[in-house]
Amino acid sequence: MTINLSPTEIIAAIGVLLALVMVWRSGTRRARRAADAAHAASRLASLAGQVFITAGVIVGVQWVAMTYAANTTLFWVALAVPALITAYVVTRALAVTSLDVTYRRGGRR
């Protein structure tokens, strides 16, 4: 059995195969982008949950210390320790030092 194809038919077949490959690749890229977006959203939700739980614990401890503390030292420690931790975290988040930024020779790779 012999297959006789004209050059036009061969070029058309190559074009169809190329189009199929391009559609397949764009689908995998779109799926990867969707997965990355979903991962970023879940990471943000997880971070928000952690922030609210931690804030609740801090508020609870402060409330107990203010309500039941007969000692003023305990009162001030309950207020000062979370404030110091928060100040440290916010300062680290907003401050960019030269040690945090790294440069590569030759640009991006």
Protein backbone atom coordinates (compact mmCIF):
# COMPACT_ATOMS: atom_id res chain seq x y z
CA MET A 1 0.00 0.00 0.00
CA THR A 2 1.41 3.32 -1.08
CA ILE A 3 0.37 6.72 0.11
CA ASN A 4 0.65 9.45 -2.45
CA LEU A 5 0.44 12.86 -0.84
CA SER A 6 0.93 16.15 -2.60
CA PRO A 7 3.20 18.81 -1.06
CA THR A 8 0.09 20.86 -0.21
CA GLU A 9 -1.41 17.98 1.78
CA ILE A 10 1.87 17.44 3.64
CA ILE A 11 2.09 21.13 4.57
CA ALA A 12 -1.57 21.10 5.66
CA ALA A 13 -0.95 18.03 7.87
CA ILE A 14 2.11 19.68 9.45
CA GLY A 15 0.03 22.83 10.06
CA VAL A 16 -2.72 20.84 11.77
CA LEU A 17 -0.18 19.04 13.96
CA LEU A 18 1.49 22.33 14.85
CA ALA A 19 -1.87 23.88 15.75
CA LEU A 20 -2.71 20.89 17.98
CA VAL A 21 0.62 21.16 19.78
CA MET A 22 0.13 24.91 20.34
CA VAL A 23 -3.40 24.40 21.73
CA TRP A 24 -2.16 21.64 24.02
CA ARG A 25 0.71 23.77 25.35
CA SER A 26 -1.51 26.80 25.94
CA GLY A 27 -3.89 24.59 27.90
CA THR A 28 -1.13 23.38 30.19
CA ARG A 29 0.09 26.94 30.71
CA ARG A 30 -3.42 28.11 31.54
CA ALA A 31 -3.84 25.26 34.00
CA ARG A 32 -0.51 26.06 35.62
CA ARG A 33 -1.46 29.74 35.99
CA ALA A 34 -4.82 28.76 37.50
CA ALA A 35 -3.08 26.42 39.94
CA ASP A 36 -0.60 29.16 40.92
CA ALA A 37 -3.46 31.61 41.50
CA ALA A 38 -5.33 29.08 43.64
CA HIS A 39 -2.18 28.38 45.64
CA ALA A 40 -1.61 32.10 46.25
CA ALA A 41 -5.22 32.56 47.37
CA SER A 42 -5.04 29.64 49.79
CA ARG A 43 -1.75 30.93 51.16
CA LEU A 44 -3.33 34.35 51.76
CA ALA A 45 -6.35 32.78 53.48
CA SER A 46 -4.06 30.66 55.66
CA LEU A 47 -2.01 33.72 56.62
CA ALA A 48 -5.17 35.68 57.46
CA GLY A 49 -6.37 32.81 59.66
CA GLN A 50 -3.08 32.70 61.51
CA VAL A 51 -3.15 36.47 62.04
CA PHE A 52 -6.68 36.42 63.47
CA ILE A 53 -5.99 33.47 65.77
CA THR A 54 -2.79 35.07 67.07
CA ALA A 55 -4.57 38.40 67.59
CA GLY A 56 -7.33 36.60 69.49
CA VAL A 57 -4.81 34.90 71.76
CA ILE A 58 -3.03 38.19 72.46
CA VAL A 59 -6.30 40.00 73.19
CA GLY A 60 -7.43 37.16 75.46
CA VAL A 61 -4.22 37.16 77.48
CA GLN A 62 -4.33 40.95 77.79
CA TRP A 63 -7.96 40.88 78.89
CA VAL A 64 -7.24 38.25 81.56
CA ALA A 65 -4.20 40.18 82.79
CA MET A 66 -6.10 43.47 82.97
CA THR A 67 -9.16 41.95 84.60
CA TYR A 68 -7.56 39.76 87.23
CA ALA A 69 -4.11 41.25 87.81
CA ALA A 70 -3.61 42.84 91.19
CA ASN A 71 0.01 43.46 90.28
CA THR A 72 0.78 46.41 87.98
CA THR A 73 3.92 44.69 86.66
CA LEU A 74 1.87 41.88 85.16
CA PHE A 75 -0.47 44.49 83.66
CA TRP A 76 2.37 46.32 81.90
CA VAL A 77 4.08 43.11 80.77
CA ALA A 78 0.80 41.92 79.22
CA LEU A 79 0.61 45.16 77.26
CA ALA A 80 4.31 45.61 76.41
CA VAL A 81 5.30 42.13 75.17
CA PRO A 82 2.76 41.93 72.32
CA ALA A 83 3.52 45.54 71.40
CA LEU A 84 7.24 44.77 71.14
CA ILE A 85 6.62 41.65 69.04
CA THR A 86 4.30 43.57 66.72
CA ALA A 87 6.77 46.44 66.38
CA TYR A 88 9.55 44.00 65.47
CA VAL A 89 7.45 42.19 62.86
CA VAL A 90 6.17 45.40 61.25
CA THR A 91 9.66 46.90 61.19
CA ARG A 92 11.12 43.78 59.55
CA ALA A 93 8.28 43.72 57.02
CA LEU A 94 8.68 47.36 56.01
CA ALA A 95 12.45 47.77 56.21
CA VAL A 96 14.61 46.70 53.29
CA THR A 97 18.29 46.53 54.01
CA SER A 98 21.16 45.94 51.67
CA LEU A 99 21.62 42.47 53.18
CA ASP A 100 18.12 41.43 52.08
CA VAL A 101 18.65 42.37 48.43
CA THR A 102 20.89 40.08 46.41
CA TYR A 103 22.15 40.77 42.94
CA ARG A 104 23.24 38.27 40.32
CA ARG A 105 25.88 38.93 37.77
CA GLY A 106 24.47 38.90 34.28
CA GLY A 107 20.87 39.69 35.18
CA ARG A 108 18.05 37.15 35.26
CA ARG A 109 18.59 33.55 34.38
